[in-house]
Amino acid sequence: MASREPLTRQDVTDVAELALLNLSDDDLDRYTGQLDAVFDLASKLDQFDVSEVPPTSHPFGLVNVFRADSPPSSVGIDGTDDNVRQEALASGPDVEDNQFKVPPALGESP
């Protein structure tokens, strides 16, 4: 196992600047120690032989868990229940032509 260089306060300062974080001196000292401990634990994983373990993106063998993308008929979108549609439209602030009316996007004029 290759040994690694300990994390320095300057390393944490550099990363904090990249992340646009304003850290106090106390924060830098605390985070340097904490992050160095995390990296020590992570480097211990190099001890394990994982050459026979297949790469995975998820620990479970899931296959397409998404539902079909279709509008619910309970809101009258398919025109079967106009009362339900009117009830849904009544909850909006402005309605035009049986649709919610919204302001134009990106300042476009109607």
PDB file of N, CA and C in Angstrom:
ATOM      1  N   MET A   1       0.849  -1.173   0.000  1.00  0.00           N
ATOM      2  CA  MET A   1       0.000   0.000   0.000  1.00  0.00           C
ATOM      3  C   MET A   1       0.890   1.231   0.000  1.00  0.00           C
ATOM      4  N   ALA A   2       0.656   2.115  -0.951  1.00  0.00           N
ATOM      5  CA  ALA A   2       1.448   3.339  -1.047  1.00  0.00           C
ATOM      6  C   ALA A   2       0.980   4.320   0.019  1.00  0.00           C
ATOM      7  N   SER A   3       1.945   4.956   0.677  1.00  0.00           N
ATOM      8  CA  SER A   3       1.561   5.948   1.674  1.00  0.00           C
ATOM      9  C   SER A   3       1.252   7.259   0.962  1.00  0.00           C
ATOM     10  N   ARG A   4       0.428   8.033   1.558  1.00  0.00           N
ATOM     11  CA  ARG A   4       0.040   9.303   0.949  1.00  0.00           C
ATOM     12  C   ARG A   4       0.569  10.451   1.799  1.00  0.00           C
ATOM     13  N   GLU A   5       0.712  11.577   1.156  1.00  0.00           N
ATOM     14  CA  GLU A   5       1.130  12.768   1.875  1.00  0.00           C
ATOM     15  C   GLU A   5      -0.031  13.257   2.738  1.00  0.00           C
ATOM     16  N   PRO A   6       0.243  13.726   3.944  1.00  0.00           N
ATOM     17  CA  PRO A   6      -0.857  14.254   4.762  1.00  0.00           C
ATOM     18  C   PRO A   6      -1.448  15.516   4.130  1.00  0.00           C
ATOM     19  N   LEU A   7      -2.710  15.714   4.354  1.00  0.00           N
ATOM     20  CA  LEU A   7      -3.410  16.886   3.851  1.00  0.00           C
ATOM     21  C   LEU A   7      -2.906  18.113   4.608  1.00  0.00           C
ATOM     22  N   THR A   8      -2.635  19.188   3.905  1.00  0.00           N
ATOM     23  CA  THR A   8      -2.132  20.396   4.556  1.00  0.00           C
ATOM     24  C   THR A   8      -3.226  21.451   4.643  1.00  0.00           C
ATOM     25  N   ARG A   9      -2.982  22.408   5.480  1.00  0.00           N
ATOM     26  CA  ARG A   9      -3.910  23.531   5.637  1.00  0.00           C
ATOM     27  C   ARG A   9      -4.031  24.273   4.302  1.00  0.00           C
ATOM     28  N   GLN A  10      -2.935  24.369   3.562  1.00  0.00           N
ATOM     29  CA  GLN A  10      -2.964  25.039   2.269  1.00  0.00           C
ATOM     30  C   GLN A  10      -3.834  24.280   1.267  1.00  0.00           C
ATOM     31  N   ASP A  11      -3.824  22.943   1.338  1.00  0.00           N
ATOM     32  CA  ASP A  11      -4.704  22.146   0.468  1.00  0.00           C
ATOM     33  C   ASP A  11      -6.164  22.515   0.710  1.00  0.00           C
ATOM     34  N   VAL A  12      -6.537  22.595   1.982  1.00  0.00           N
ATOM     35  CA  VAL A  12      -7.921  22.925   2.338  1.00  0.00           C
ATOM     36  C   VAL A  12      -8.242  24.358   1.920  1.00  0.00           C
ATOM     37  N   THR A  13      -7.298  25.268   2.093  1.00  0.00           N
ATOM     38  CA  THR A  13      -7.495  26.661   1.676  1.00  0.00           C
ATOM     39  C   THR A  13      -7.723  26.736   0.172  1.00  0.00           C
ATOM     40  N   ASP A  14      -6.933  26.000  -0.594  1.00  0.00           N
ATOM     41  CA  ASP A  14      -7.071  26.007  -2.053  1.00  0.00           C
ATOM     42  C   ASP A  14      -8.436  25.488  -2.488  1.00  0.00           C
ATOM     43  N   VAL A  15      -8.870  24.395  -1.885  1.00  0.00           N
ATOM     44  CA  VAL A  15     -10.177  23.826  -2.234  1.00  0.00           C
ATOM     45  C   VAL A  15     -11.301  24.763  -1.805  1.00  0.00           C
ATOM     46  N   ALA A  16     -11.169  25.375  -0.629  1.00  0.00           N
ATOM     47  CA  ALA A  16     -12.192  26.314  -0.152  1.00  0.00           C
ATOM     48  C   ALA A  16     -12.323  27.494  -1.108  1.00  0.00           C
ATOM     49  N   GLU A  17     -11.200  27.982  -1.626  1.00  0.00           N
ATOM     50  CA  GLU A  17     -11.256  29.089  -2.587  1.00  0.00           C
ATOM     51  C   GLU A  17     -11.936  28.658  -3.878  1.00  0.00           C
ATOM     52  N   LEU A  18     -11.641  27.445  -4.351  1.00  0.00           N
ATOM     53  CA  LEU A  18     -12.298  26.946  -5.558  1.00  0.00           C
ATOM     54  C   LEU A  18     -13.804  26.813  -5.366  1.00  0.00           C
ATOM     55  N   ALA A  19     -14.209  26.450  -4.142  1.00  0.00           N
ATOM     56  CA  ALA A  19     -15.629  26.274  -3.836  1.00  0.00           C
ATOM     57  C   ALA A  19     -16.281  27.576  -3.384  1.00  0.00           C
ATOM     58  N   LEU A  20     -15.507  28.678  -3.434  1.00  0.00           N
ATOM     59  CA  LEU A  20     -16.000  29.989  -3.020  1.00  0.00           C
ATOM     60  C   LEU A  20     -16.485  29.986  -1.573  1.00  0.00           C
ATOM     61  N   LEU A  21     -15.751  29.280  -0.706  1.00  0.00           N
ATOM     62  CA  LEU A  21     -16.078  29.231   0.718  1.00  0.00           C
ATOM     63  C   LEU A  21     -15.156  30.172   1.474  1.00  0.00           C
ATOM     64  N   ASN A  22     -15.720  30.904   2.401  1.00  0.00           N
ATOM     65  CA  ASN A  22     -14.945  31.788   3.259  1.00  0.00           C
ATOM     66  C   ASN A  22     -14.768  31.089   4.598  1.00  0.00           C
ATOM     67  N   LEU A  23     -13.611  30.505   4.852  1.00  0.00           N
ATOM     68  CA  LEU A  23     -13.386  29.756   6.075  1.00  0.00           C
ATOM     69  C   LEU A  23     -12.502  30.548   7.030  1.00  0.00           C
ATOM     70  N   SER A  24     -12.856  30.516   8.306  1.00  0.00           N
ATOM     71  CA  SER A  24     -12.039  31.164   9.326  1.00  0.00           C
ATOM     72  C   SER A  24     -10.803  30.301   9.593  1.00  0.00           C
ATOM     73  N   ASP A  25      -9.851  30.862  10.333  1.00  0.00           N
ATOM     74  CA  ASP A  25      -8.651  30.095  10.696  1.00  0.00           C
ATOM     75  C   ASP A  25      -9.021  28.856  11.504  1.00  0.00           C
ATOM     76  N   ASP A  26      -9.992  29.001  12.427  1.00  0.00           N
ATOM     77  CA  ASP A  26     -10.435  27.843  13.217  1.00  0.00           C
ATOM     78  C   ASP A  26     -11.049  26.768  12.325  1.00  0.00           C
ATOM     79  N   ASP A  27     -11.859  27.198  11.343  1.00  0.00           N
ATOM     80  CA  ASP A  27     -12.471  26.245  10.411  1.00  0.00           C
ATOM     81  C   ASP A  27     -11.393  25.513   9.616  1.00  0.00           C
ATOM     82  N   LEU A  28     -10.406  26.253   9.129  1.00  0.00           N
ATOM     83  CA  LEU A  28      -9.335  25.628   8.342  1.00  0.00           C
ATOM     84  C   LEU A  28      -8.595  24.577   9.162  1.00  0.00           C
ATOM     85  N   ASP A  29      -8.300  24.895  10.419  1.00  0.00           N
ATOM     86  CA  ASP A  29      -7.606  23.928  11.273  1.00  0.00           C
ATOM     87  C   ASP A  29      -8.467  22.687  11.515  1.00  0.00           C
ATOM     88  N   ARG A  30      -9.743  22.916  11.833  1.00  0.00           N
ATOM     89  CA  ARG A  30     -10.652  21.803  12.120  1.00  0.00           C
ATOM     90  C   ARG A  30     -10.853  20.927  10.871  1.00  0.00           C
ATOM     91  N   TYR A  31     -11.131  21.555   9.724  1.00  0.00           N
ATOM     92  CA  TYR A  31     -11.411  20.799   8.504  1.00  0.00           C
ATOM     93  C   TYR A  31     -10.174  20.086   7.974  1.00  0.00           C
ATOM     94  N   THR A  32      -9.008  20.679   8.178  1.00  0.00           N
ATOM     95  CA  THR A  32      -7.785  20.007   7.734  1.00  0.00           C
ATOM     96  C   THR A  32      -7.626  18.679   8.461  1.00  0.00           C
ATOM     97  N   GLY A  33      -7.818  18.685   9.772  1.00  0.00           N
ATOM     98  CA  GLY A  33      -7.721  17.445  10.547  1.00  0.00           C
ATOM     99  C   GLY A  33      -8.802  16.447  10.181  1.00  0.00           C
ATOM    100  N   GLN A  34     -10.029  16.928  10.041  1.00  0.00           N
ATOM    101  CA  GLN A  34     -11.142  16.035   9.728  1.00  0.00           C
ATOM    102  C   GLN A  34     -10.988  15.418   8.332  1.00  0.00           C
ATOM    103  N   LEU A  35     -10.653  16.240   7.350  1.00  0.00           N
ATOM    104  CA  LEU A  35     -10.503  15.716   5.997  1.00  0.00           C
ATOM    105  C   LEU A  35      -9.314  14.773   5.884  1.00  0.00           C
ATOM    106  N   ASP A  36      -8.247  15.067   6.615  1.00  0.00           N
ATOM    107  CA  ASP A  36      -7.091  14.174   6.591  1.00  0.00           C
ATOM    108  C   ASP A  36      -7.474  12.801   7.152  1.00  0.00           C
ATOM    109  N   ALA A  37      -8.297  12.794   8.211  1.00  0.00           N
ATOM    110  CA  ALA A  37      -8.755  11.521   8.784  1.00  0.00           C
ATOM    111  C   ALA A  37      -9.636  10.757   7.789  1.00  0.00           C
ATOM    112  N   VAL A  38     -10.485  11.469   7.064  1.00  0.00           N
ATOM    113  CA  VAL A  38     -11.338  10.825   6.056  1.00  0.00           C
ATOM    114  C   VAL A  38     -10.476  10.212   4.955  1.00  0.00           C
ATOM    115  N   PHE A  39      -9.477  10.957   4.484  1.00  0.00           N
ATOM    116  CA  PHE A  39      -8.593  10.439   3.442  1.00  0.00           C
ATOM    117  C   PHE A  39      -7.781   9.246   3.933  1.00  0.00           C
ATOM    118  N   ASP A  40      -7.404   9.241   5.214  1.00  0.00           N
ATOM    119  CA  ASP A  40      -6.704   8.082   5.785  1.00  0.00           C
ATOM    120  C   ASP A  40      -7.587   6.839   5.716  1.00  0.00           C
ATOM    121  N   LEU A  41      -8.845   6.998   6.122  1.00  0.00           N
ATOM    122  CA  LEU A  41      -9.767   5.856   6.076  1.00  0.00           C
ATOM    123  C   LEU A  41      -9.993   5.393   4.635  1.00  0.00           C
ATOM    124  N   ALA A  42     -10.143   6.339   3.728  1.00  0.00           N
ATOM    125  CA  ALA A  42     -10.368   5.979   2.329  1.00  0.00           C
ATOM    126  C   ALA A  42      -9.149   5.267   1.746  1.00  0.00           C
ATOM    127  N   SER A  43      -7.954   5.676   2.153  1.00  0.00           N
ATOM    128  CA  SER A  43      -6.758   5.036   1.608  1.00  0.00           C
ATOM    129  C   SER A  43      -6.617   3.596   2.103  1.00  0.00           C
ATOM    130  N   LYS A  44      -7.247   3.271   3.230  1.00  0.00           N
ATOM    131  CA  LYS A  44      -7.202   1.894   3.737  1.00  0.00           C
ATOM    132  C   LYS A  44      -7.995   0.941   2.837  1.00  0.00           C
ATOM    133  N   LEU A  45      -8.892   1.486   2.032  1.00  0.00           N
ATOM    134  CA  LEU A  45      -9.652   0.640   1.112  1.00  0.00           C
ATOM    135  C   LEU A  45      -8.759   0.036   0.043  1.00  0.00           C
ATOM    136  N   ASP A  46      -7.603   0.637  -0.181  1.00  0.00           N
ATOM    137  CA  ASP A  46      -6.659   0.098  -1.171  1.00  0.00           C
ATOM    138  C   ASP A  46      -6.133  -1.278  -0.762  1.00  0.00           C
ATOM    139  N   GLN A  47      -6.292  -1.659   0.492  1.00  0.00           N
ATOM    140  CA  GLN A  47      -5.812  -2.962   0.970  1.00  0.00           C
ATOM    141  C   GLN A  47      -6.612  -4.120   0.389  1.00  0.00           C
ATOM    142  N   PHE A  48      -7.847  -3.847   0.041  1.00  0.00           N
ATOM    143  CA  PHE A  48      -8.741  -4.917  -0.372  1.00  0.00           C
ATOM    144  C   PHE A  48      -8.554  -5.257  -1.839  1.00  0.00           C
ATOM    145  N   ASP A  49      -8.548  -6.572  -2.131  1.00  0.00           N
ATOM    146  CA  ASP A  49      -8.452  -7.038  -3.502  1.00  0.00           C
ATOM    147  C   ASP A  49      -9.862  -7.086  -4.093  1.00  0.00           C
ATOM    148  N   VAL A  50     -10.138  -6.169  -4.985  1.00  0.00           N
ATOM    149  CA  VAL A  50     -11.451  -6.114  -5.610  1.00  0.00           C
ATOM    150  C   VAL A  50     -11.378  -6.467  -7.095  1.00  0.00           C
ATOM    151  N   SER A  51     -10.307  -7.117  -7.471  1.00  0.00           N
ATOM    152  CA  SER A  51     -10.123  -7.436  -8.884  1.00  0.00           C
ATOM    153  C   SER A  51     -11.197  -8.391  -9.408  1.00  0.00           C
ATOM    154  N   GLU A  52     -11.777  -9.194  -8.527  1.00  0.00           N
ATOM    155  CA  GLU A  52     -12.816 -10.142  -8.953  1.00  0.00           C
ATOM    156  C   GLU A  52     -14.230  -9.586  -8.779  1.00  0.00           C
ATOM    157  N   VAL A  53     -14.354  -8.353  -8.311  1.00  0.00           N
ATOM    158  CA  VAL A  53     -15.669  -7.748  -8.090  1.00  0.00           C
ATOM    159  C   VAL A  53     -16.056  -6.963  -9.341  1.00  0.00           C
ATOM    160  N   PRO A  54     -17.195  -7.300  -9.939  1.00  0.00           N
ATOM    161  CA  PRO A  54     -17.598  -6.579 -11.156  1.00  0.00           C
ATOM    162  C   PRO A  54     -18.016  -5.149 -10.820  1.00  0.00           C
ATOM    163  N   PRO A  55     -17.722  -4.205 -11.701  1.00  0.00           N
ATOM    164  CA  PRO A  55     -18.139  -2.823 -11.456  1.00  0.00           C
ATOM    165  C   PRO A  55     -19.659  -2.711 -11.499  1.00  0.00           C
ATOM    166  N   THR A  56     -20.196  -1.886 -10.628  1.00  0.00           N
ATOM    167  CA  THR A  56     -21.647  -1.679 -10.579  1.00  0.00           C
ATOM    168  C   THR A  56     -21.941  -0.201 -10.420  1.00  0.00           C
ATOM    169  N   SER A  57     -23.122   0.192 -10.817  1.00  0.00           N
ATOM    170  CA  SER A  57     -23.554   1.569 -10.597  1.00  0.00           C
ATOM    171  C   SER A  57     -24.603   1.621  -9.497  1.00  0.00           C
ATOM    172  N   HIS A  58     -25.081   0.454  -9.070  1.00  0.00           N
ATOM    173  CA  HIS A  58     -26.114   0.382  -8.039  1.00  0.00           C
ATOM    174  C   HIS A  58     -25.972  -0.957  -7.331  1.00  0.00           C
ATOM    175  N   PRO A  59     -26.163  -0.985  -6.017  1.00  0.00           N
ATOM    176  CA  PRO A  59     -25.964  -2.241  -5.296  1.00  0.00           C
ATOM    177  C   PRO A  59     -27.056  -3.289  -5.532  1.00  0.00           C
ATOM    178  N   PHE A  60     -28.178  -2.886  -6.108  1.00  0.00           N
ATOM    179  CA  PHE A  60     -29.275  -3.829  -6.344  1.00  0.00           C
ATOM    180  C   PHE A  60     -29.489  -4.009  -7.836  1.00  0.00           C
ATOM    181  N   GLY A  61     -29.935  -5.162  -8.230  1.00  0.00           N
ATOM    182  CA  GLY A  61     -30.170  -5.436  -9.645  1.00  0.00           C
ATOM    183  C   GLY A  61     -31.513  -4.922 -10.113  1.00  0.00           C
ATOM    184  N   LEU A  62     -31.681  -3.623 -10.152  1.00  0.00           N
ATOM    185  CA  LEU A  62     -32.962  -3.039 -10.548  1.00  0.00           C
ATOM    186  C   LEU A  62     -33.040  -2.903 -12.066  1.00  0.00           C
ATOM    187  N   VAL A  63     -34.238  -3.067 -12.572  1.00  0.00           N
ATOM    188  CA  VAL A  63     -34.482  -2.900 -13.990  1.00  0.00           C
ATOM    189  C   VAL A  63     -35.611  -1.895 -14.134  1.00  0.00           C
ATOM    190  N   ASN A  64     -35.433  -0.899 -14.951  1.00  0.00           N
ATOM    191  CA  ASN A  64     -36.410   0.154 -15.227  1.00  0.00           C
ATOM    192  C   ASN A  64     -37.535   0.231 -14.192  1.00  0.00           C
ATOM    193  N   VAL A  65     -37.334   1.055 -13.204  1.00  0.00           N
ATOM    194  CA  VAL A  65     -38.314   1.181 -12.129  1.00  0.00           C
ATOM    195  C   VAL A  65     -39.243   2.366 -12.344  1.00  0.00           C
ATOM    196  N   PHE A  66     -39.216   2.949 -13.534  1.00  0.00           N
ATOM    197  CA  PHE A  66     -40.047   4.108 -13.802  1.00  0.00           C
ATOM    198  C   PHE A  66     -41.424   3.692 -14.287  1.00  0.00           C
ATOM    199  N   ARG A  67     -42.407   4.479 -13.929  1.00  0.00           N
ATOM    200  CA  ARG A  67     -43.773   4.213 -14.391  1.00  0.00           C
ATOM    201  C   ARG A  67     -43.956   4.818 -15.778  1.00  0.00           C
ATOM    202  N   ALA A  68     -45.001   4.421 -16.437  1.00  0.00           N
ATOM    203  CA  ALA A  68     -45.318   4.992 -17.738  1.00  0.00           C
ATOM    204  C   ALA A  68     -45.658   6.468 -17.566  1.00  0.00           C
ATOM    205  N   ASP A  69     -45.227   7.303 -18.479  1.00  0.00           N
ATOM    206  CA  ASP A  69     -45.478   8.729 -18.409  1.00  0.00           C
ATOM    207  C   ASP A  69     -46.764   9.044 -19.159  1.00  0.00           C
ATOM    208  N   SER A  70     -47.871   9.080 -18.425  1.00  0.00           N
ATOM    209  CA  SER A  70     -49.150   9.381 -19.043  1.00  0.00           C
ATOM    210  C   SER A  70     -49.951  10.256 -18.091  1.00  0.00           C
ATOM    211  N   PRO A  71     -50.744  11.190 -18.634  1.00  0.00           N
ATOM    212  CA  PRO A  71     -51.513  12.075 -17.758  1.00  0.00           C
ATOM    213  C   PRO A  71     -52.608  11.302 -17.051  1.00  0.00           C
ATOM    214  N   PRO A  72     -52.873  11.635 -15.807  1.00  0.00           N
ATOM    215  CA  PRO A  72     -53.965  10.952 -15.098  1.00  0.00           C
ATOM    216  C   PRO A  72     -55.303  11.377 -15.678  1.00  0.00           C
ATOM    217  N   SER A  73     -56.186  10.442 -15.852  1.00  0.00           N
ATOM    218  CA  SER A  73     -57.494  10.765 -16.416  1.00  0.00           C
ATOM    219  C   SER A  73     -58.377  11.476 -15.403  1.00  0.00           C
ATOM    220  N   SER A  74     -57.995  11.460 -14.126  1.00  0.00           N
ATOM    221  CA  SER A  74     -58.848  12.037 -13.089  1.00  0.00           C
ATOM    222  C   SER A  74     -58.926  13.554 -13.154  1.00  0.00           C
ATOM    223  N   VAL A  75     -58.072  14.233 -13.929  1.00  0.00           N
ATOM    224  CA  VAL A  75     -58.152  15.689 -14.025  1.00  0.00           C
ATOM    225  C   VAL A  75     -58.827  16.127 -15.316  1.00  0.00           C
ATOM    226  N   GLY A  76     -59.405  15.223 -16.054  1.00  0.00           N
ATOM    227  CA  GLY A  76     -60.182  15.573 -17.229  1.00  0.00           C
ATOM    228  C   GLY A  76     -59.355  16.011 -18.417  1.00  0.00           C
ATOM    229  N   ILE A  77     -58.092  15.644 -18.460  1.00  0.00           N
ATOM    230  CA  ILE A  77     -57.236  16.049 -19.574  1.00  0.00           C
ATOM    231  C   ILE A  77     -57.723  15.425 -20.876  1.00  0.00           C
ATOM    232  N   ASP A  78     -58.241  14.219 -20.774  1.00  0.00           N
ATOM    233  CA  ASP A  78     -58.694  13.546 -22.000  1.00  0.00           C
ATOM    234  C   ASP A  78     -60.108  13.970 -22.401  1.00  0.00           C
ATOM    235  N   GLY A  79     -60.684  14.944 -21.698  1.00  0.00           N
ATOM    236  CA  GLY A  79     -61.996  15.468 -22.050  1.00  0.00           C
ATOM    237  C   GLY A  79     -63.147  14.631 -21.553  1.00  0.00           C
ATOM    238  N   THR A  80     -62.887  13.614 -20.734  1.00  0.00           N
ATOM    239  CA  THR A  80     -63.972  12.737 -20.292  1.00  0.00           C
ATOM    240  C   THR A  80     -64.756  13.315 -19.133  1.00  0.00           C
ATOM    241  N   ASP A  81     -64.174  14.208 -18.357  1.00  0.00           N
ATOM    242  CA  ASP A  81     -64.882  14.728 -17.190  1.00  0.00           C
ATOM    243  C   ASP A  81     -64.643  16.229 -17.085  1.00  0.00           C
ATOM    244  N   ASP A  82     -65.518  17.004 -17.725  1.00  0.00           N
ATOM    245  CA  ASP A  82     -65.351  18.456 -17.762  1.00  0.00           C
ATOM    246  C   ASP A  82     -65.490  19.074 -16.376  1.00  0.00           C
ATOM    247  N   ASN A  83     -66.300  18.469 -15.493  1.00  0.00           N
ATOM    248  CA  ASN A  83     -66.439  19.002 -14.131  1.00  0.00           C
ATOM    249  C   ASN A  83     -65.120  18.948 -13.378  1.00  0.00           C
ATOM    250  N   VAL A  84     -64.391  17.862 -13.529  1.00  0.00           N
ATOM    251  CA  VAL A  84     -63.101  17.721 -12.863  1.00  0.00           C
ATOM    252  C   VAL A  84     -62.130  18.754 -13.425  1.00  0.00           C
ATOM    253  N   ARG A  85     -62.158  18.934 -14.759  1.00  0.00           N
ATOM    254  CA  ARG A  85     -61.282  19.921 -15.391  1.00  0.00           C
ATOM    255  C   ARG A  85     -61.594  21.319 -14.855  1.00  0.00           C
ATOM    256  N   GLN A  86     -62.843  21.679 -14.801  1.00  0.00           N
ATOM    257  CA  GLN A  86     -63.232  23.009 -14.319  1.00  0.00           C
ATOM    258  C   GLN A  86     -62.841  23.201 -12.853  1.00  0.00           C
ATOM    259  N   GLU A  87     -62.973  22.150 -12.073  1.00  0.00           N
ATOM    260  CA  GLU A  87     -62.572  22.228 -10.659  1.00  0.00           C
ATOM    261  C   GLU A  87     -61.065  22.455 -10.540  1.00  0.00           C
ATOM    262  N   ALA A  88     -60.290  21.766 -11.368  1.00  0.00           N
ATOM    263  CA  ALA A  88     -58.841  21.939 -11.341  1.00  0.00           C
ATOM    264  C   ALA A  88     -58.463  23.342 -11.802  1.00  0.00           C
ATOM    265  N   LEU A  89     -59.102  23.839 -12.879  1.00  0.00           N
ATOM    266  CA  LEU A  89     -58.787  25.167 -13.390  1.00  0.00           C
ATOM    267  C   LEU A  89     -59.203  26.262 -12.412  1.00  0.00           C
ATOM    268  N   ALA A  90     -60.210  26.003 -11.614  1.00  0.00           N
ATOM    269  CA  ALA A  90     -60.676  26.994 -10.634  1.00  0.00           C
ATOM    270  C   ALA A  90     -59.616  27.291  -9.581  1.00  0.00           C
ATOM    271  N   SER A  91     -58.662  26.384  -9.404  1.00  0.00           N
ATOM    272  CA  SER A  91     -57.628  26.602  -8.394  1.00  0.00           C
ATOM    273  C   SER A  91     -56.513  27.518  -8.897  1.00  0.00           C
ATOM    274  N   GLY A  92     -56.521  27.825 -10.200  1.00  0.00           N
ATOM    275  CA  GLY A  92     -55.472  28.672 -10.768  1.00  0.00           C
ATOM    276  C   GLY A  92     -55.824  30.145 -10.681  1.00  0.00           C
ATOM    277  N   PRO A  93     -54.816  31.013 -10.752  1.00  0.00           N
ATOM    278  CA  PRO A  93     -55.078  32.444 -10.636  1.00  0.00           C
ATOM    279  C   PRO A  93     -55.715  33.044 -11.893  1.00  0.00           C
ATOM    280  N   ASP A  94     -55.421  32.471 -13.072  1.00  0.00           N
ATOM    281  CA  ASP A  94     -55.958  33.024 -14.315  1.00  0.00           C
ATOM    282  C   ASP A  94     -56.127  31.888 -15.325  1.00  0.00           C
ATOM    283  N   VAL A  95     -57.293  31.862 -15.996  1.00  0.00           N
ATOM    284  CA  VAL A  95     -57.604  30.802 -16.952  1.00  0.00           C
ATOM    285  C   VAL A  95     -58.029  31.430 -18.267  1.00  0.00           C
ATOM    286  N   GLU A  96     -57.583  30.836 -19.372  1.00  0.00           N
ATOM    287  CA  GLU A  96     -57.989  31.294 -20.702  1.00  0.00           C
ATOM    288  C   GLU A  96     -58.075  30.078 -21.612  1.00  0.00           C
ATOM    289  N   ASP A  97     -59.193  29.915 -22.335  1.00  0.00           N
ATOM    290  CA  ASP A  97     -59.403  28.795 -23.252  1.00  0.00           C
ATOM    291  C   ASP A  97     -59.214  27.446 -22.558  1.00  0.00           C
ATOM    292  N   ASN A  98     -59.786  27.286 -21.371  1.00  0.00           N
ATOM    293  CA  ASN A  98     -59.700  26.042 -20.592  1.00  0.00           C
ATOM    294  C   ASN A  98     -58.263  25.629 -20.290  1.00  0.00           C
ATOM    295  N   GLN A  99     -57.382  26.611 -20.128  1.00  0.00           N
ATOM    296  CA  GLN A  99     -55.981  26.360 -19.771  1.00  0.00           C
ATOM    297  C   GLN A  99     -55.554  27.404 -18.748  1.00  0.00           C
ATOM    298  N   PHE A 100     -54.580  27.042 -17.918  1.00  0.00           N
ATOM    299  CA  PHE A 100     -54.000  28.017 -17.013  1.00  0.00           C
ATOM    300  C   PHE A 100     -53.276  29.065 -17.846  1.00  0.00           C
ATOM    301  N   LYS A 101     -53.478  30.331 -17.521  1.00  0.00           N
ATOM    302  CA  LYS A 101     -52.777  31.401 -18.218  1.00  0.00           C
ATOM    303  C   LYS A 101     -51.592  31.817 -17.344  1.00  0.00           C
ATOM    304  N   VAL A 102     -50.407  31.843 -17.951  1.00  0.00           N
ATOM    305  CA  VAL A 102     -49.196  32.197 -17.217  1.00  0.00           C
ATOM    306  C   VAL A 102     -48.504  33.354 -17.917  1.00  0.00           C
ATOM    307  N   PRO A 103     -47.667  34.098 -17.190  1.00  0.00           N
ATOM    308  CA  PRO A 103     -46.964  35.204 -17.848  1.00  0.00           C
ATOM    309  C   PRO A 103     -45.972  34.664 -18.879  1.00  0.00           C
ATOM    310  N   PRO A 104     -45.668  35.464 -19.880  1.00  0.00           N
ATOM    311  CA  PRO A 104     -44.710  35.004 -20.898  1.00  0.00           C
ATOM    312  C   PRO A 104     -43.341  34.744 -20.286  1.00  0.00           C
ATOM    313  N   ALA A 105     -42.630  33.805 -20.881  1.00  0.00           N
ATOM    314  CA  ALA A 105     -41.300  33.452 -20.382  1.00  0.00           C
ATOM    315  C   ALA A 105     -40.261  34.397 -20.954  1.00  0.00           C
ATOM    316  N   LEU A 106     -39.250  34.700 -20.164  1.00  0.00           N
ATOM    317  CA  LEU A 106     -38.091  35.490 -20.604  1.00  0.00           C
ATOM    318  C   LEU A 106     -38.460  36.842 -21.172  1.00  0.00           C
ATOM    319  N   GLY A 107     -39.531  37.431 -20.655  1.00  0.00           N
ATOM    320  CA  GLY A 107     -39.902  38.777 -21.068  1.00  0.00           C
ATOM    321  C   GLY A 107     -40.473  38.886 -22.473  1.00  0.00           C
ATOM    322  N   GLU A 108     -40.823  37.756 -23.074  1.00  0.00           N
ATOM    323  CA  GLU A 108     -41.404  37.794 -24.407  1.00  0.00           C
ATOM    324  C   GLU A 108     -42.801  38.397 -24.333  1.00  0.00           C
ATOM    325  N   SER A 109     -43.175  39.175 -25.318  1.00  0.00           N
ATOM    326  CA  SER A 109     -44.533  39.720 -25.327  1.00  0.00           C
ATOM    327  C   SER A 109     -45.480  38.719 -25.953  1.00  0.00           C
ATOM    328  N   PRO A 110     -46.720  38.716 -25.479  1.00  0.00           N
ATOM    329  CA  PRO A 110     -47.688  37.730 -25.986  1.00  0.00           C
ATOM    330  C   PRO A 110     -48.037  37.918 -27.441  1.00  0.00           C
TER     331      PRO A 110
END
